[in-house]
Amino acid sequence: PAAWWGRPSACRGSVSEIVEACSLRISAPAMRQARYEIVEDDGSFYGDIPAIPGVWANAKTLEACREELESVLEGWVLLSIADHSPIPDIDGKRLEIREVA
């Protein structure tokens, strides 16, 4: 398979190389859209990425919440690539997955 974020040559190579390159290209713009709030009940932090429903995290500190959110995002990207599921445009950029011979 081949995939790219924005430019066709951005993510080509082995599956692991594609996943790593595309995860990095998705992660930064998506994480810039992350929202965080303090949960009143226990003082923990909740974070989500509105453009990607279902990608959220909860942790005791803001930094731990950010790290967990990024990890959840990376897992979501892997699953989306494996399932050929659509990935929403982020900052006007699109990740496309195409099969190549």
N, C-alpha and C. Protein backbone atom coordinates (compact mmCIF):
# COMPACT_ATOMS: atom_id res chain seq x y z
N PRO A 1 0.82 -1.20 0.00
CA PRO A 1 0.00 0.00 0.00
C PRO A 1 0.86 1.26 0.00
N ALA A 2 0.27 2.33 -0.43
CA ALA A 2 0.95 3.63 -0.37
C ALA A 2 0.01 4.64 0.22
N ALA A 3 0.56 5.62 0.87
CA ALA A 3 -0.28 6.63 1.51
C ALA A 3 0.47 7.94 1.50
N TRP A 4 -0.27 9.03 1.60
CA TRP A 4 0.38 10.32 1.74
C TRP A 4 -0.52 11.31 2.42
N TRP A 5 0.12 12.34 2.94
CA TRP A 5 -0.58 13.43 3.62
C TRP A 5 -0.17 14.69 2.89
N GLY A 6 -1.05 15.21 2.07
CA GLY A 6 -0.76 16.47 1.39
C GLY A 6 -0.08 16.30 0.04
N ARG A 7 1.08 15.68 -0.01
CA ARG A 7 1.81 15.52 -1.27
C ARG A 7 1.99 14.03 -1.55
N PRO A 8 1.87 13.62 -2.82
CA PRO A 8 2.00 12.20 -3.15
C PRO A 8 3.31 11.57 -2.71
N SER A 9 4.41 12.29 -2.69
CA SER A 9 5.70 11.67 -2.36
C SER A 9 5.99 11.67 -0.87
N ALA A 10 5.10 12.21 -0.06
CA ALA A 10 5.39 12.41 1.36
C ALA A 10 5.52 11.11 2.14
N CYS A 11 4.74 10.10 1.82
CA CYS A 11 4.75 8.86 2.61
C CYS A 11 4.78 7.65 1.70
N ARG A 12 5.94 7.29 1.24
CA ARG A 12 6.07 6.09 0.42
C ARG A 12 7.13 5.19 1.03
N GLY A 13 6.97 3.89 0.82
CA GLY A 13 7.96 2.96 1.33
C GLY A 13 7.29 1.74 1.92
N SER A 14 7.97 1.09 2.87
CA SER A 14 7.41 -0.09 3.52
C SER A 14 6.22 0.33 4.38
N VAL A 15 5.45 -0.64 4.80
CA VAL A 15 4.29 -0.34 5.63
C VAL A 15 4.71 0.40 6.89
N SER A 16 5.77 -0.06 7.56
CA SER A 16 6.19 0.61 8.79
C SER A 16 6.67 2.03 8.51
N GLU A 17 7.37 2.24 7.40
CA GLU A 17 7.81 3.59 7.04
C GLU A 17 6.62 4.49 6.73
N ILE A 18 5.63 3.96 6.04
CA ILE A 18 4.43 4.72 5.71
C ILE A 18 3.70 5.12 6.98
N VAL A 19 3.50 4.16 7.86
CA VAL A 19 2.78 4.44 9.10
C VAL A 19 3.51 5.49 9.92
N GLU A 20 4.82 5.35 10.06
CA GLU A 20 5.58 6.31 10.85
C GLU A 20 5.51 7.71 10.23
N ALA A 21 5.75 7.81 8.94
CA ALA A 21 5.75 9.12 8.27
C ALA A 21 4.37 9.75 8.30
N CYS A 22 3.34 8.96 8.04
CA CYS A 22 1.99 9.51 8.01
C CYS A 22 1.50 9.85 9.41
N SER A 23 1.85 9.06 10.39
CA SER A 23 1.47 9.38 11.76
C SER A 23 2.05 10.71 12.18
N LEU A 24 3.31 10.95 11.81
CA LEU A 24 3.95 12.22 12.15
C LEU A 24 3.26 13.38 11.45
N ARG A 25 2.88 13.19 10.20
CA ARG A 25 2.24 14.26 9.43
C ARG A 25 0.82 14.54 9.91
N ILE A 26 0.16 13.55 10.45
CA ILE A 26 -1.19 13.74 10.96
C ILE A 26 -1.14 14.28 12.38
N SER A 27 -0.20 13.78 13.15
CA SER A 27 -0.15 14.09 14.57
C SER A 27 -0.04 15.58 14.85
N ALA A 28 0.91 16.26 14.23
CA ALA A 28 1.13 17.68 14.54
C ALA A 28 -0.09 18.54 14.25
N PRO A 29 -0.66 18.48 13.03
CA PRO A 29 -1.83 19.33 12.79
C PRO A 29 -3.03 18.94 13.65
N ALA A 30 -3.22 17.65 13.89
CA ALA A 30 -4.35 17.21 14.70
C ALA A 30 -4.18 17.65 16.15
N MET A 31 -2.97 17.52 16.68
CA MET A 31 -2.73 17.90 18.07
C MET A 31 -2.88 19.40 18.28
N ARG A 32 -2.64 20.19 17.23
CA ARG A 32 -2.86 21.64 17.34
C ARG A 32 -4.34 21.95 17.53
N GLN A 33 -5.21 21.04 17.11
CA GLN A 33 -6.65 21.24 17.26
C GLN A 33 -7.20 20.65 18.56
N ALA A 34 -6.35 20.02 19.35
CA ALA A 34 -6.80 19.37 20.59
C ALA A 34 -7.38 20.40 21.56
N ARG A 35 -8.40 19.96 22.29
CA ARG A 35 -9.01 20.78 23.34
C ARG A 35 -8.82 20.03 24.66
N TYR A 36 -8.60 20.79 25.72
CA TYR A 36 -8.41 20.19 27.04
C TYR A 36 -9.30 20.89 28.04
N GLU A 37 -9.75 20.14 29.02
CA GLU A 37 -10.52 20.72 30.12
C GLU A 37 -10.24 19.93 31.39
N ILE A 38 -10.48 20.58 32.49
CA ILE A 38 -10.32 19.91 33.79
C ILE A 38 -11.67 19.30 34.17
N VAL A 39 -11.63 18.03 34.55
CA VAL A 39 -12.84 17.33 34.96
C VAL A 39 -13.14 17.74 36.40
N GLU A 40 -14.32 18.29 36.63
CA GLU A 40 -14.67 18.83 37.96
C GLU A 40 -14.68 17.75 39.05
N ASP A 41 -15.15 16.56 38.73
CA ASP A 41 -15.30 15.51 39.74
C ASP A 41 -13.99 15.12 40.41
N ASP A 42 -12.92 14.99 39.62
CA ASP A 42 -11.68 14.48 40.19
C ASP A 42 -10.44 15.33 39.89
N GLY A 43 -10.61 16.43 39.17
CA GLY A 43 -9.48 17.30 38.86
C GLY A 43 -8.55 16.78 37.78
N SER A 44 -8.94 15.69 37.13
CA SER A 44 -8.11 15.16 36.06
C SER A 44 -8.32 15.99 34.79
N PHE A 45 -7.54 15.70 33.76
CA PHE A 45 -7.64 16.42 32.50
C PHE A 45 -8.25 15.52 31.44
N TYR A 46 -9.12 16.11 30.66
CA TYR A 46 -9.76 15.43 29.53
C TYR A 46 -9.35 16.18 28.27
N GLY A 47 -8.97 15.44 27.24
CA GLY A 47 -8.61 16.06 25.97
C GLY A 47 -9.23 15.31 24.81
N ASP A 48 -9.58 16.05 23.77
CA ASP A 48 -10.08 15.42 22.56
C ASP A 48 -9.65 16.23 21.34
N ILE A 49 -9.88 15.64 20.17
CA ILE A 49 -9.61 16.30 18.91
C ILE A 49 -10.93 16.35 18.16
N PRO A 50 -11.59 17.51 18.13
CA PRO A 50 -12.94 17.59 17.56
C PRO A 50 -13.06 17.07 16.12
N ALA A 51 -12.02 17.23 15.32
CA ALA A 51 -12.09 16.79 13.92
C ALA A 51 -12.08 15.28 13.77
N ILE A 52 -11.71 14.58 14.87
CA ILE A 52 -11.62 13.12 14.80
C ILE A 52 -12.44 12.53 15.94
N PRO A 53 -13.72 12.30 15.70
CA PRO A 53 -14.58 11.76 16.75
C PRO A 53 -14.05 10.44 17.32
N GLY A 54 -14.12 10.31 18.62
CA GLY A 54 -13.68 9.09 19.28
C GLY A 54 -12.24 9.11 19.74
N VAL A 55 -11.48 10.14 19.35
CA VAL A 55 -10.09 10.25 19.80
C VAL A 55 -10.08 11.18 21.00
N TRP A 56 -9.91 10.59 22.19
CA TRP A 56 -9.92 11.36 23.44
C TRP A 56 -9.03 10.67 24.46
N ALA A 57 -8.70 11.41 25.50
CA ALA A 57 -7.86 10.87 26.58
C ALA A 57 -8.23 11.54 27.89
N ASN A 58 -7.88 10.88 28.99
CA ASN A 58 -8.12 11.40 30.33
C ASN A 58 -6.94 10.98 31.18
N ALA A 59 -6.35 11.93 31.92
CA ALA A 59 -5.20 11.62 32.76
C ALA A 59 -5.12 12.61 33.92
N LYS A 60 -4.28 12.30 34.90
CA LYS A 60 -4.17 13.13 36.11
C LYS A 60 -3.52 14.48 35.84
N THR A 61 -2.60 14.56 34.87
CA THR A 61 -1.93 15.83 34.58
C THR A 61 -2.17 16.20 33.12
N LEU A 62 -2.00 17.48 32.81
CA LEU A 62 -2.17 17.94 31.44
C LEU A 62 -1.16 17.28 30.52
N GLU A 63 0.09 17.20 30.95
CA GLU A 63 1.12 16.58 30.11
C GLU A 63 0.81 15.11 29.85
N ALA A 64 0.37 14.39 30.86
CA ALA A 64 0.01 12.98 30.68
C ALA A 64 -1.19 12.85 29.74
N CYS A 65 -2.11 13.78 29.83
CA CYS A 65 -3.28 13.77 28.95
C CYS A 65 -2.84 14.01 27.51
N ARG A 66 -1.95 14.96 27.29
CA ARG A 66 -1.42 15.22 25.94
C ARG A 66 -0.74 13.98 25.37
N GLU A 67 0.10 13.35 26.18
CA GLU A 67 0.81 12.15 25.73
C GLU A 67 -0.16 11.03 25.38
N GLU A 68 -1.14 10.83 26.24
CA GLU A 68 -2.14 9.78 25.99
C GLU A 68 -2.96 10.09 24.74
N LEU A 69 -3.33 11.35 24.56
CA LEU A 69 -4.11 11.75 23.39
C LEU A 69 -3.32 11.49 22.12
N GLU A 70 -2.04 11.81 22.14
CA GLU A 70 -1.20 11.54 20.96
C GLU A 70 -1.09 10.04 20.69
N SER A 71 -0.99 9.25 21.73
CA SER A 71 -0.93 7.80 21.57
C SER A 71 -2.24 7.25 20.99
N VAL A 72 -3.35 7.76 21.50
CA VAL A 72 -4.67 7.33 20.98
C VAL A 72 -4.79 7.73 19.51
N LEU A 73 -4.35 8.93 19.17
CA LEU A 73 -4.39 9.39 17.78
C LEU A 73 -3.56 8.47 16.88
N GLU A 74 -2.37 8.12 17.31
CA GLU A 74 -1.52 7.23 16.52
C GLU A 74 -2.19 5.87 16.31
N GLY A 75 -2.80 5.33 17.36
CA GLY A 75 -3.52 4.07 17.22
C GLY A 75 -4.68 4.19 16.26
N TRP A 76 -5.38 5.31 16.34
CA TRP A 76 -6.52 5.55 15.44
C TRP A 76 -6.05 5.61 13.99
N VAL A 77 -4.90 6.27 13.75
CA VAL A 77 -4.35 6.35 12.40
C VAL A 77 -4.00 4.95 11.89
N LEU A 78 -3.33 4.16 12.71
CA LEU A 78 -2.98 2.79 12.31
C LEU A 78 -4.21 1.99 11.93
N LEU A 79 -5.22 2.05 12.77
CA LEU A 79 -6.45 1.32 12.50
C LEU A 79 -7.13 1.83 11.23
N SER A 80 -7.16 3.12 11.04
CA SER A 80 -7.78 3.69 9.85
C SER A 80 -7.05 3.27 8.59
N ILE A 81 -5.72 3.26 8.64
CA ILE A 81 -4.94 2.81 7.48
C ILE A 81 -5.21 1.33 7.21
N ALA A 82 -5.18 0.52 8.27
CA ALA A 82 -5.41 -0.93 8.10
C ALA A 82 -6.80 -1.24 7.58
N ASP A 83 -7.80 -0.49 8.04
CA ASP A 83 -9.18 -0.73 7.63
C ASP A 83 -9.58 0.01 6.36
N HIS A 84 -8.68 0.84 5.84
CA HIS A 84 -9.00 1.70 4.70
C HIS A 84 -10.19 2.60 5.03
N SER A 85 -10.25 3.03 6.28
CA SER A 85 -11.32 3.93 6.73
C SER A 85 -10.96 5.36 6.35
N PRO A 86 -11.96 6.18 6.09
CA PRO A 86 -11.66 7.58 5.75
C PRO A 86 -11.04 8.31 6.94
N ILE A 87 -10.13 9.19 6.62
CA ILE A 87 -9.48 10.03 7.62
C ILE A 87 -9.86 11.47 7.30
N PRO A 88 -10.42 12.19 8.25
CA PRO A 88 -10.86 13.55 7.95
C PRO A 88 -9.72 14.49 7.58
N ASP A 89 -10.03 15.47 6.75
CA ASP A 89 -9.05 16.50 6.42
C ASP A 89 -8.68 17.25 7.70
N ILE A 90 -7.41 17.54 7.85
CA ILE A 90 -6.94 18.31 9.00
C ILE A 90 -6.12 19.47 8.46
N ASP A 91 -6.48 20.66 8.85
CA ASP A 91 -5.82 21.88 8.36
C ASP A 91 -5.79 21.93 6.83
N GLY A 92 -6.86 21.46 6.20
CA GLY A 92 -6.94 21.50 4.75
C GLY A 92 -6.10 20.46 4.04
N LYS A 93 -5.55 19.51 4.79
CA LYS A 93 -4.72 18.46 4.19
C LYS A 93 -5.46 17.14 4.30
N ARG A 94 -5.21 16.26 3.35
CA ARG A 94 -5.90 14.98 3.30
C ARG A 94 -4.91 13.84 3.23
N LEU A 95 -5.18 12.80 4.00
CA LEU A 95 -4.40 11.58 3.93
C LEU A 95 -5.20 10.61 3.07
N GLU A 96 -4.58 10.13 2.00
CA GLU A 96 -5.23 9.18 1.13
C GLU A 96 -4.47 7.87 1.14
N ILE A 97 -5.20 6.79 1.18
CA ILE A 97 -4.60 5.46 1.17
C ILE A 97 -4.95 4.83 -0.18
N ARG A 98 -3.94 4.40 -0.90
CA ARG A 98 -4.17 3.78 -2.20
C ARG A 98 -3.34 2.52 -2.30
N GLU A 99 -3.91 1.52 -2.90
CA GLU A 99 -3.19 0.29 -3.16
C GLU A 99 -2.32 0.49 -4.40
N VAL A 100 -1.10 -0.02 -4.35
CA VAL A 100 -0.23 0.02 -5.50
C VAL A 100 0.24 -1.38 -5.81
N ALA A 101 0.57 -1.60 -7.06
CA ALA A 101 1.00 -2.94 -7.47
C ALA A 101 2.42 -3.19 -7.10
